[in-house]
Amino acid sequence: MKINFENVKIYTDITRKNFFEADVKEQIADVIYKHGNGIRAHALALKIYNSTGETEFTDDEVLMISQVAENFCTPNFIDAIHEILNPNPESQTEEVLHVK
């Protein structure tokens, strides 16, 4: 998967009407560097920090990015990461629960 961490939409409120765009390479690289484990996390943090534009990431790297964001980032940053990792959420099938 190709990801560009240089132009990410960060929402500033729960309505998701207000946002700014930011380069989050350093922020996500720092979170992985501080909270990831092992040499793969180290390599991924450096790969993100040194990336320019769209960069190819493996499925394992994408999973690590998602897990670290979900465990160590603020909710608006988690939403931003989810949005870049799942660019077409409306095309994904959602399960509908019916309450009776």
PDB file of N, CA and C in Angstrom:
ATOM      1  N   MET A   1       0.849  -1.180   0.000  1.00  0.00           N
ATOM      2  CA  MET A   1       0.000   0.000   0.000  1.00  0.00           C
ATOM      3  C   MET A   1       0.891   1.238   0.000  1.00  0.00           C
ATOM      4  N   LYS A   2       0.517   2.213  -0.836  1.00  0.00           N
ATOM      5  CA  LYS A   2       1.255   3.475  -0.867  1.00  0.00           C
ATOM      6  C   LYS A   2       0.590   4.469   0.070  1.00  0.00           C
ATOM      7  N   ILE A   3       1.414   5.095   0.915  1.00  0.00           N
ATOM      8  CA  ILE A   3       0.913   6.055   1.904  1.00  0.00           C
ATOM      9  C   ILE A   3       1.758   7.312   1.828  1.00  0.00           C
ATOM     10  N   ASN A   4       1.092   8.462   1.900  1.00  0.00           N
ATOM     11  CA  ASN A   4       1.769   9.753   1.963  1.00  0.00           C
ATOM     12  C   ASN A   4       1.444  10.381   3.314  1.00  0.00           C
ATOM     13  N   PHE A   5       2.437  10.453   4.183  1.00  0.00           N
ATOM     14  CA  PHE A   5       2.247  11.032   5.511  1.00  0.00           C
ATOM     15  C   PHE A   5       2.469  12.542   5.527  1.00  0.00           C
ATOM     16  N   GLU A   6       2.733  13.129   4.375  1.00  0.00           N
ATOM     17  CA  GLU A   6       3.061  14.557   4.310  1.00  0.00           C
ATOM     18  C   GLU A   6       1.852  15.474   4.197  1.00  0.00           C
ATOM     19  N   ASN A   7       0.688  14.924   3.880  1.00  0.00           N
ATOM     20  CA  ASN A   7      -0.502  15.750   3.688  1.00  0.00           C
ATOM     21  C   ASN A   7      -1.716  15.013   4.244  1.00  0.00           C
ATOM     22  N   VAL A   8      -1.838  14.991   5.562  1.00  0.00           N
ATOM     23  CA  VAL A   8      -2.875  14.214   6.238  1.00  0.00           C
ATOM     24  C   VAL A   8      -3.906  15.163   6.845  1.00  0.00           C
ATOM     25  N   LYS A   9      -5.190  14.822   6.652  1.00  0.00           N
ATOM     26  CA  LYS A   9      -6.286  15.621   7.189  1.00  0.00           C
ATOM     27  C   LYS A   9      -6.480  15.265   8.662  1.00  0.00           C
ATOM     28  N   ILE A  10      -6.347  16.282   9.537  1.00  0.00           N
ATOM     29  CA  ILE A  10      -6.537  16.120  10.979  1.00  0.00           C
ATOM     30  C   ILE A  10      -7.789  16.904  11.380  1.00  0.00           C
ATOM     31  N   TYR A  11      -8.791  16.194  11.870  1.00  0.00           N
ATOM     32  CA  TYR A  11     -10.024  16.858  12.298  1.00  0.00           C
ATOM     33  C   TYR A  11      -9.808  17.518  13.657  1.00  0.00           C
ATOM     34  N   THR A  12     -10.449  18.682  13.831  1.00  0.00           N
ATOM     35  CA  THR A  12     -10.278  19.425  15.072  1.00  0.00           C
ATOM     36  C   THR A  12     -11.495  19.373  15.982  1.00  0.00           C
ATOM     37  N   ASP A  13     -12.537  18.670  15.528  1.00  0.00           N
ATOM     38  CA  ASP A  13     -13.716  18.501  16.376  1.00  0.00           C
ATOM     39  C   ASP A  13     -14.443  17.219  15.995  1.00  0.00           C
ATOM     40  N   ILE A  14     -15.352  16.801  16.838  1.00  0.00           N
ATOM     41  CA  ILE A  14     -16.048  15.528  16.674  1.00  0.00           C
ATOM     42  C   ILE A  14     -16.987  15.538  15.467  1.00  0.00           C
ATOM     43  N   THR A  15     -17.429  16.704  15.024  1.00  0.00           N
ATOM     44  CA  THR A  15     -18.317  16.779  13.864  1.00  0.00           C
ATOM     45  C   THR A  15     -17.583  16.485  12.561  1.00  0.00           C
ATOM     46  N   ARG A  16     -16.287  16.545  12.602  1.00  0.00           N
ATOM     47  CA  ARG A  16     -15.413  16.323  11.443  1.00  0.00           C
ATOM     48  C   ARG A  16     -15.659  17.342  10.338  1.00  0.00           C
ATOM     49  N   LYS A  17     -16.189  18.511  10.726  1.00  0.00           N
ATOM     50  CA  LYS A  17     -16.385  19.597   9.765  1.00  0.00           C
ATOM     51  C   LYS A  17     -15.144  20.483   9.679  1.00  0.00           C
ATOM     52  N   ASN A  18     -14.399  20.553  10.755  1.00  0.00           N
ATOM     53  CA  ASN A  18     -13.224  21.409  10.813  1.00  0.00           C
ATOM     54  C   ASN A  18     -11.971  20.555  10.853  1.00  0.00           C
ATOM     55  N   PHE A  19     -11.002  20.939  10.041  1.00  0.00           N
ATOM     56  CA  PHE A  19      -9.770  20.170   9.965  1.00  0.00           C
ATOM     57  C   PHE A  19      -8.641  21.040   9.436  1.00  0.00           C
ATOM     58  N   PHE A  20      -7.443  20.523   9.553  1.00  0.00           N
ATOM     59  CA  PHE A  20      -6.277  21.127   8.910  1.00  0.00           C
ATOM     60  C   PHE A  20      -5.472  19.989   8.309  1.00  0.00           C
ATOM     61  N   GLU A  21      -4.639  20.299   7.366  1.00  0.00           N
ATOM     62  CA  GLU A  21      -3.794  19.286   6.760  1.00  0.00           C
ATOM     63  C   GLU A  21      -2.377  19.477   7.273  1.00  0.00           C
ATOM     64  N   ALA A  22      -1.720  18.346   7.578  1.00  0.00           N
ATOM     65  CA  ALA A  22      -0.395  18.432   8.188  1.00  0.00           C
ATOM     66  C   ALA A  22       0.512  17.306   7.714  1.00  0.00           C
ATOM     67  N   ASP A  23       1.795  17.557   7.818  1.00  0.00           N
ATOM     68  CA  ASP A  23       2.822  16.540   7.611  1.00  0.00           C
ATOM     69  C   ASP A  23       2.987  15.844   8.952  1.00  0.00           C
ATOM     70  N   VAL A  24       2.622  14.557   9.028  1.00  0.00           N
ATOM     71  CA  VAL A  24       2.654  13.830  10.301  1.00  0.00           C
ATOM     72  C   VAL A  24       3.746  12.764  10.336  1.00  0.00           C
ATOM     73  N   LYS A  25       4.677  12.837   9.396  1.00  0.00           N
ATOM     74  CA  LYS A  25       5.756  11.836   9.347  1.00  0.00           C
ATOM     75  C   LYS A  25       6.487  11.729  10.682  1.00  0.00           C
ATOM     76  N   GLU A  26       6.903  12.865  11.200  1.00  0.00           N
ATOM     77  CA  GLU A  26       7.679  12.846  12.436  1.00  0.00           C
ATOM     78  C   GLU A  26       6.847  12.343  13.610  1.00  0.00           C
ATOM     79  N   GLN A  27       5.572  12.747  13.683  1.00  0.00           N
ATOM     80  CA  GLN A  27       4.729  12.333  14.798  1.00  0.00           C
ATOM     81  C   GLN A  27       4.510  10.823  14.814  1.00  0.00           C
ATOM     82  N   ILE A  28       4.127  10.245  13.672  1.00  0.00           N
ATOM     83  CA  ILE A  28       3.861   8.801  13.663  1.00  0.00           C
ATOM     84  C   ILE A  28       5.165   8.023  13.806  1.00  0.00           C
ATOM     85  N   ALA A  29       6.250   8.529  13.219  1.00  0.00           N
ATOM     86  CA  ALA A  29       7.549   7.863  13.375  1.00  0.00           C
ATOM     87  C   ALA A  29       7.973   7.863  14.844  1.00  0.00           C
ATOM     88  N   ASP A  30       7.754   8.979  15.544  1.00  0.00           N
ATOM     89  CA  ASP A  30       8.108   9.064  16.968  1.00  0.00           C
ATOM     90  C   ASP A  30       7.296   8.085  17.812  1.00  0.00           C
ATOM     91  N   VAL A  31       5.997   7.970  17.517  1.00  0.00           N
ATOM     92  CA  VAL A  31       5.152   7.049  18.283  1.00  0.00           C
ATOM     93  C   VAL A  31       5.644   5.614  18.096  1.00  0.00           C
ATOM     94  N   ILE A  32       5.956   5.240  16.862  1.00  0.00           N
ATOM     95  CA  ILE A  32       6.460   3.890  16.597  1.00  0.00           C
ATOM     96  C   ILE A  32       7.822   3.701  17.247  1.00  0.00           C
ATOM     97  N   TYR A  33       8.676   4.702  17.177  1.00  0.00           N
ATOM     98  CA  TYR A  33      10.015   4.633  17.767  1.00  0.00           C
ATOM     99  C   TYR A  33       9.951   4.466  19.289  1.00  0.00           C
ATOM    100  N   LYS A  34       9.005   5.162  19.924  1.00  0.00           N
ATOM    101  CA  LYS A  34       8.887   5.124  21.388  1.00  0.00           C
ATOM    102  C   LYS A  34       8.129   3.906  21.899  1.00  0.00           C
ATOM    103  N   HIS A  35       7.131   3.424  21.137  1.00  0.00           N
ATOM    104  CA  HIS A  35       6.247   2.393  21.660  1.00  0.00           C
ATOM    105  C   HIS A  35       6.275   1.071  20.905  1.00  0.00           C
ATOM    106  N   GLY A  36       6.903   1.056  19.738  1.00  0.00           N
ATOM    107  CA  GLY A  36       7.017  -0.190  18.992  1.00  0.00           C
ATOM    108  C   GLY A  36       8.088  -1.070  19.613  1.00  0.00           C
ATOM    109  N   ASN A  37       8.078  -2.333  19.244  1.00  0.00           N
ATOM    110  CA  ASN A  37       9.078  -3.260  19.774  1.00  0.00           C
ATOM    111  C   ASN A  37       9.808  -3.946  18.631  1.00  0.00           C
ATOM    112  N   GLY A  38      11.107  -4.085  18.804  1.00  0.00           N
ATOM    113  CA  GLY A  38      11.894  -4.847  17.856  1.00  0.00           C
ATOM    114  C   GLY A  38      12.495  -4.027  16.732  1.00  0.00           C
ATOM    115  N   ILE A  39      13.322  -4.697  15.972  1.00  0.00           N
ATOM    116  CA  ILE A  39      14.043  -4.062  14.881  1.00  0.00           C
ATOM    117  C   ILE A  39      13.108  -3.646  13.755  1.00  0.00           C
ATOM    118  N   ARG A  40      12.008  -4.391  13.566  1.00  0.00           N
ATOM    119  CA  ARG A  40      11.048  -4.005  12.523  1.00  0.00           C
ATOM    120  C   ARG A  40      10.405  -2.663  12.832  1.00  0.00           C
ATOM    121  N   ALA A  41      10.076  -2.430  14.087  1.00  0.00           N
ATOM    122  CA  ALA A  41       9.503  -1.148  14.492  1.00  0.00           C
ATOM    123  C   ALA A  41      10.524  -0.030  14.285  1.00  0.00           C
ATOM    124  N   HIS A  42      11.774  -0.308  14.624  1.00  0.00           N
ATOM    125  CA  HIS A  42      12.844   0.670  14.428  1.00  0.00           C
ATOM    126  C   HIS A  42      12.979   1.024  12.950  1.00  0.00           C
ATOM    127  N   ALA A  43      13.004  -0.002  12.094  1.00  0.00           N
ATOM    128  CA  ALA A  43      13.137   0.213  10.652  1.00  0.00           C
ATOM    129  C   ALA A  43      11.929   0.977  10.099  1.00  0.00           C
ATOM    130  N   LEU A  44      10.738   0.643  10.568  1.00  0.00           N
ATOM    131  CA  LEU A  44       9.534   1.318  10.102  1.00  0.00           C
ATOM    132  C   LEU A  44       9.534   2.790  10.511  1.00  0.00           C
ATOM    133  N   ALA A  45       9.913   3.079  11.742  1.00  0.00           N
ATOM    134  CA  ALA A  45       9.972   4.466  12.200  1.00  0.00           C
ATOM    135  C   ALA A  45      10.907   5.284  11.302  1.00  0.00           C
ATOM    136  N   LEU A  46      12.070   4.733  10.994  1.00  0.00           N
ATOM    137  CA  LEU A  46      13.019   5.440  10.124  1.00  0.00           C
ATOM    138  C   LEU A  46      12.500   5.556   8.694  1.00  0.00           C
ATOM    139  N   LYS A  47      11.831   4.516   8.205  1.00  0.00           N
ATOM    140  CA  LYS A  47      11.271   4.536   6.854  1.00  0.00           C
ATOM    141  C   LYS A  47      10.239   5.652   6.721  1.00  0.00           C
ATOM    142  N   ILE A  48       9.371   5.781   7.710  1.00  0.00           N
ATOM    143  CA  ILE A  48       8.350   6.832   7.686  1.00  0.00           C
ATOM    144  C   ILE A  48       9.008   8.201   7.800  1.00  0.00           C
ATOM    145  N   TYR A  49       9.913   8.356   8.740  1.00  0.00           N
ATOM    146  CA  TYR A  49      10.570   9.646   8.965  1.00  0.00           C
ATOM    147  C   TYR A  49      11.316  10.124   7.720  1.00  0.00           C
ATOM    148  N   ASN A  50      11.942   9.213   7.005  1.00  0.00           N
ATOM    149  CA  ASN A  50      12.733   9.569   5.825  1.00  0.00           C
ATOM    150  C   ASN A  50      11.937   9.539   4.523  1.00  0.00           C
ATOM    151  N   SER A  51      10.652   9.222   4.590  1.00  0.00           N
ATOM    152  CA  SER A  51       9.846   9.103   3.369  1.00  0.00           C
ATOM    153  C   SER A  51       9.595  10.472   2.741  1.00  0.00           C
ATOM    154  N   THR A  52       9.364  10.425   1.431  1.00  0.00           N
ATOM    155  CA  THR A  52       8.944  11.625   0.696  1.00  0.00           C
ATOM    156  C   THR A  52       7.804  11.230  -0.226  1.00  0.00           C
ATOM    157  N   GLY A  53       6.684  11.906  -0.069  1.00  0.00           N
ATOM    158  CA  GLY A  53       5.526  11.596  -0.894  1.00  0.00           C
ATOM    159  C   GLY A  53       4.986  10.200  -0.629  1.00  0.00           C
ATOM    160  N   GLU A  54       4.376   9.623  -1.665  1.00  0.00           N
ATOM    161  CA  GLU A  54       3.822   8.279  -1.528  1.00  0.00           C
ATOM    162  C   GLU A  54       4.945   7.265  -1.400  1.00  0.00           C
ATOM    163  N   THR A  55       4.862   6.439  -0.377  1.00  0.00           N
ATOM    164  CA  THR A  55       5.863   5.414  -0.091  1.00  0.00           C
ATOM    165  C   THR A  55       5.144   4.087   0.064  1.00  0.00           C
ATOM    166  N   GLU A  56       5.734   3.049  -0.460  1.00  0.00           N
ATOM    167  CA  GLU A  56       5.143   1.708  -0.391  1.00  0.00           C
ATOM    168  C   GLU A  56       5.395   1.082   0.981  1.00  0.00           C
ATOM    169  N   PHE A  57       4.323   0.566   1.590  1.00  0.00           N
ATOM    170  CA  PHE A  57       4.410  -0.117   2.877  1.00  0.00           C
ATOM    171  C   PHE A  57       3.790  -1.505   2.733  1.00  0.00           C
ATOM    172  N   THR A  58       4.400  -2.481   3.400  1.00  0.00           N
ATOM    173  CA  THR A  58       3.890  -3.850   3.364  1.00  0.00           C
ATOM    174  C   THR A  58       2.642  -3.957   4.242  1.00  0.00           C
ATOM    175  N   ASP A  59       1.920  -5.061   4.101  1.00  0.00           N
ATOM    176  CA  ASP A  59       0.745  -5.294   4.948  1.00  0.00           C
ATOM    177  C   ASP A  59       1.128  -5.322   6.423  1.00  0.00           C
ATOM    178  N   ASP A  60       2.270  -5.923   6.749  1.00  0.00           N
ATOM    179  CA  ASP A  60       2.733  -5.973   8.144  1.00  0.00           C
ATOM    180  C   ASP A  60       3.046  -4.578   8.671  1.00  0.00           C
ATOM    181  N   GLU A  61       3.643  -3.747   7.835  1.00  0.00           N
ATOM    182  CA  GLU A  61       3.952  -2.372   8.259  1.00  0.00           C
ATOM    183  C   GLU A  61       2.671  -1.572   8.470  1.00  0.00           C
ATOM    184  N   VAL A  62       1.701  -1.736   7.572  1.00  0.00           N
ATOM    185  CA  VAL A  62       0.424  -1.043   7.709  1.00  0.00           C
ATOM    186  C   VAL A  62      -0.275  -1.474   8.995  1.00  0.00           C
ATOM    187  N   LEU A  63      -0.236  -2.759   9.293  1.00  0.00           N
ATOM    188  CA  LEU A  63      -0.831  -3.264  10.528  1.00  0.00           C
ATOM    189  C   LEU A  63      -0.147  -2.657  11.754  1.00  0.00           C
ATOM    190  N   MET A  64       1.178  -2.574  11.731  1.00  0.00           N
ATOM    191  CA  MET A  64       1.916  -1.990  12.856  1.00  0.00           C
ATOM    192  C   MET A  64       1.560  -0.508  13.018  1.00  0.00           C
ATOM    193  N   ILE A  65       1.457   0.219  11.914  1.00  0.00           N
ATOM    194  CA  ILE A  65       1.083   1.636  11.973  1.00  0.00           C
ATOM    195  C   ILE A  65      -0.289   1.778  12.613  1.00  0.00           C
ATOM    196  N   SER A  66      -1.237   0.975  12.165  1.00  0.00           N
ATOM    197  CA  SER A  66      -2.596   1.027  12.688  1.00  0.00           C
ATOM    198  C   SER A  66      -2.635   0.691  14.179  1.00  0.00           C
ATOM    199  N   GLN A  67      -1.951  -0.367  14.568  1.00  0.00           N
ATOM    200  CA  GLN A  67      -1.961  -0.792  15.976  1.00  0.00           C
ATOM    201  C   GLN A  67      -1.322   0.244  16.888  1.00  0.00           C
ATOM    202  N   VAL A  68      -0.212   0.797  16.472  1.00  0.00           N
ATOM    203  CA  VAL A  68       0.466   1.802  17.301  1.00  0.00           C
ATOM    204  C   VAL A  68      -0.408   3.052  17.425  1.00  0.00           C
ATOM    205  N   ALA A  69      -1.007   3.474  16.312  1.00  0.00           N
ATOM    206  CA  ALA A  69      -1.883   4.650  16.366  1.00  0.00           C
ATOM    207  C   ALA A  69      -3.046   4.413  17.309  1.00  0.00           C
ATOM    208  N   GLU A  70      -3.696   3.246  17.193  1.00  0.00           N
ATOM    209  CA  GLU A  70      -4.854   2.945  18.029  1.00  0.00           C
ATOM    210  C   GLU A  70      -4.517   2.868  19.515  1.00  0.00           C
ATOM    211  N   ASN A  71      -3.314   2.453  19.830  1.00  0.00           N
ATOM    212  CA  ASN A  71      -2.937   2.283  21.233  1.00  0.00           C
ATOM    213  C   ASN A  71      -2.299   3.512  21.871  1.00  0.00           C
ATOM    214  N   PHE A  72      -1.705   4.402  21.084  1.00  0.00           N
ATOM    215  CA  PHE A  72      -0.903   5.465  21.689  1.00  0.00           C
ATOM    216  C   PHE A  72      -1.201   6.872  21.181  1.00  0.00           C
ATOM    217  N   CYS A  73      -2.213   7.043  20.326  1.00  0.00           N
ATOM    218  CA  CYS A  73      -2.495   8.368  19.768  1.00  0.00           C
ATOM    219  C   CYS A  73      -3.849   8.886  20.229  1.00  0.00           C
ATOM    220  N   THR A  74      -4.048  10.179  20.029  1.00  0.00           N
ATOM    221  CA  THR A  74      -5.328  10.799  20.361  1.00  0.00           C
ATOM    222  C   THR A  74      -6.385  10.356  19.353  1.00  0.00           C
ATOM    223  N   PRO A  75      -7.660  10.424  19.730  1.00  0.00           N
ATOM    224  CA  PRO A  75      -8.715   9.978  18.826  1.00  0.00           C
ATOM    225  C   PRO A  75      -8.708  10.663  17.451  1.00  0.00           C
ATOM    226  N   ASN A  76      -8.454  11.967  17.398  1.00  0.00           N
ATOM    227  CA  ASN A  76      -8.458  12.626  16.089  1.00  0.00           C
ATOM    228  C   ASN A  76      -7.280  12.164  15.224  1.00  0.00           C
ATOM    229  N   PHE A  77      -6.168  11.823  15.848  1.00  0.00           N
ATOM    230  CA  PHE A  77      -5.025  11.311  15.092  1.00  0.00           C
ATOM    231  C   PHE A  77      -5.305   9.872  14.631  1.00  0.00           C
ATOM    232  N   ILE A  78      -5.978   9.091  15.468  1.00  0.00           N
ATOM    233  CA  ILE A  78      -6.381   7.728  15.079  1.00  0.00           C
ATOM    234  C   ILE A  78      -7.291   7.796  13.849  1.00  0.00           C
ATOM    235  N   ASP A  79      -8.266   8.709  13.875  1.00  0.00           N
ATOM    236  CA  ASP A  79      -9.153   8.866  12.724  1.00  0.00           C
ATOM    237  C   ASP A  79      -8.375   9.250  11.473  1.00  0.00           C
ATOM    238  N   ALA A  80      -7.400  10.122  11.609  1.00  0.00           N
ATOM    239  CA  ALA A  80      -6.590  10.544  10.465  1.00  0.00           C
ATOM    240  C   ALA A  80      -5.820   9.360   9.884  1.00  0.00           C
ATOM    241  N   ILE A  81      -5.235   8.538  10.747  1.00  0.00           N
ATOM    242  CA  ILE A  81      -4.486   7.369  10.287  1.00  0.00           C
ATOM    243  C   ILE A  81      -5.432   6.374   9.633  1.00  0.00           C
ATOM    244  N   HIS A  82      -6.583   6.123  10.240  1.00  0.00           N
ATOM    245  CA  HIS A  82      -7.568   5.209   9.642  1.00  0.00           C
ATOM    246  C   HIS A  82      -7.990   5.692   8.261  1.00  0.00           C
ATOM    247  N   GLU A  83      -8.172   6.996   8.125  1.00  0.00           N
ATOM    248  CA  GLU A  83      -8.602   7.551   6.846  1.00  0.00           C
ATOM    249  C   GLU A  83      -7.558   7.342   5.743  1.00  0.00           C
ATOM    250  N   ILE A  84      -6.275   7.477   6.079  1.00  0.00           N
ATOM    251  CA  ILE A  84      -5.271   7.264   5.031  1.00  0.00           C
ATOM    252  C   ILE A  84      -5.021   5.776   4.778  1.00  0.00           C
ATOM    253  N   LEU A  85      -5.293   4.938   5.770  1.00  0.00           N
ATOM    254  CA  LEU A  85      -5.114   3.498   5.579  1.00  0.00           C
ATOM    255  C   LEU A  85      -6.332   2.863   4.897  1.00  0.00           C
ATOM    256  N   ASN A  86      -7.489   3.513   4.971  1.00  0.00           N
ATOM    257  CA  ASN A  86      -8.737   3.030   4.358  1.00  0.00           C
ATOM    258  C   ASN A  86      -9.335   4.176   3.556  1.00  0.00           C
ATOM    259  N   PRO A  87      -8.770   4.503   2.401  1.00  0.00           N
ATOM    260  CA  PRO A  87      -9.184   5.701   1.669  1.00  0.00           C
ATOM    261  C   PRO A  87     -10.610   5.679   1.131  1.00  0.00           C
ATOM    262  N   ASN A  88     -11.232   4.507   0.991  1.00  0.00           N
ATOM    263  CA  ASN A  88     -12.595   4.426   0.451  1.00  0.00           C
ATOM    264  C   ASN A  88     -13.516   3.677   1.399  1.00  0.00           C
ATOM    265  N   PRO A  89     -13.789   4.217   2.588  1.00  0.00           N
ATOM    266  CA  PRO A  89     -14.609   3.479   3.556  1.00  0.00           C
ATOM    267  C   PRO A  89     -16.023   3.223   3.077  1.00  0.00           C
ATOM    268  N   GLU A  90     -16.565   4.095   2.179  1.00  0.00           N
ATOM    269  CA  GLU A  90     -17.929   3.859   1.726  1.00  0.00           C
ATOM    270  C   GLU A  90     -18.028   2.641   0.829  1.00  0.00           C
ATOM    271  N   SER A  91     -16.919   2.218   0.235  1.00  0.00           N
ATOM    272  CA  SER A  91     -16.950   1.037  -0.623  1.00  0.00           C
ATOM    273  C   SER A  91     -16.821  -0.264   0.169  1.00  0.00           C
ATOM    274  N   GLN A  92     -16.525  -0.134   1.456  1.00  0.00           N
ATOM    275  CA  GLN A  92     -16.399  -1.318   2.294  1.00  0.00           C
ATOM    276  C   GLN A  92     -17.779  -1.710   2.811  1.00  0.00           C
ATOM    277  N   THR A  93     -18.029  -2.994   2.912  1.00  0.00           N
ATOM    278  CA  THR A  93     -19.303  -3.490   3.397  1.00  0.00           C
ATOM    279  C   THR A  93     -19.356  -3.379   4.909  1.00  0.00           C
ATOM    280  N   GLU A  94     -20.450  -2.782   5.413  1.00  0.00           N
ATOM    281  CA  GLU A  94     -20.643  -2.665   6.855  1.00  0.00           C
ATOM    282  C   GLU A  94     -21.764  -3.603   7.269  1.00  0.00           C
ATOM    283  N   GLU A  95     -21.578  -4.231   8.421  1.00  0.00           N
ATOM    284  CA  GLU A  95     -22.618  -5.098   8.966  1.00  0.00           C
ATOM    285  C   GLU A  95     -23.608  -4.227   9.717  1.00  0.00           C
ATOM    286  N   VAL A  96     -24.875  -4.405   9.440  1.00  0.00           N
ATOM    287  CA  VAL A  96     -25.917  -3.634  10.089  1.00  0.00           C
ATOM    288  C   VAL A  96     -26.543  -4.488  11.177  1.00  0.00           C
ATOM    289  N   LEU A  97     -26.630  -3.942  12.375  1.00  0.00           N
ATOM    290  CA  LEU A  97     -27.243  -4.645  13.496  1.00  0.00           C
ATOM    291  C   LEU A  97     -28.668  -4.149  13.679  1.00  0.00           C
ATOM    292  N   HIS A  98     -29.590  -5.057  13.787  1.00  0.00           N
ATOM    293  CA  HIS A  98     -30.990  -4.692  13.999  1.00  0.00           C
ATOM    294  C   HIS A  98     -31.373  -5.035  15.432  1.00  0.00           C
ATOM    295  N   VAL A  99     -31.920  -4.070  16.113  1.00  0.00           N
ATOM    296  CA  VAL A  99     -32.361  -4.269  17.503  1.00  0.00           C
ATOM    297  C   VAL A  99     -33.870  -4.422  17.494  1.00  0.00           C
ATOM    298  N   LYS A 100     -34.360  -5.455  18.175  1.00  0.00           N
ATOM    299  CA  LYS A 100     -35.817  -5.683  18.248  1.00  0.00           C
ATOM    300  C   LYS A 100     -36.284  -5.573  19.668  1.00  0.00           C
TER     301      LYS A 100
END
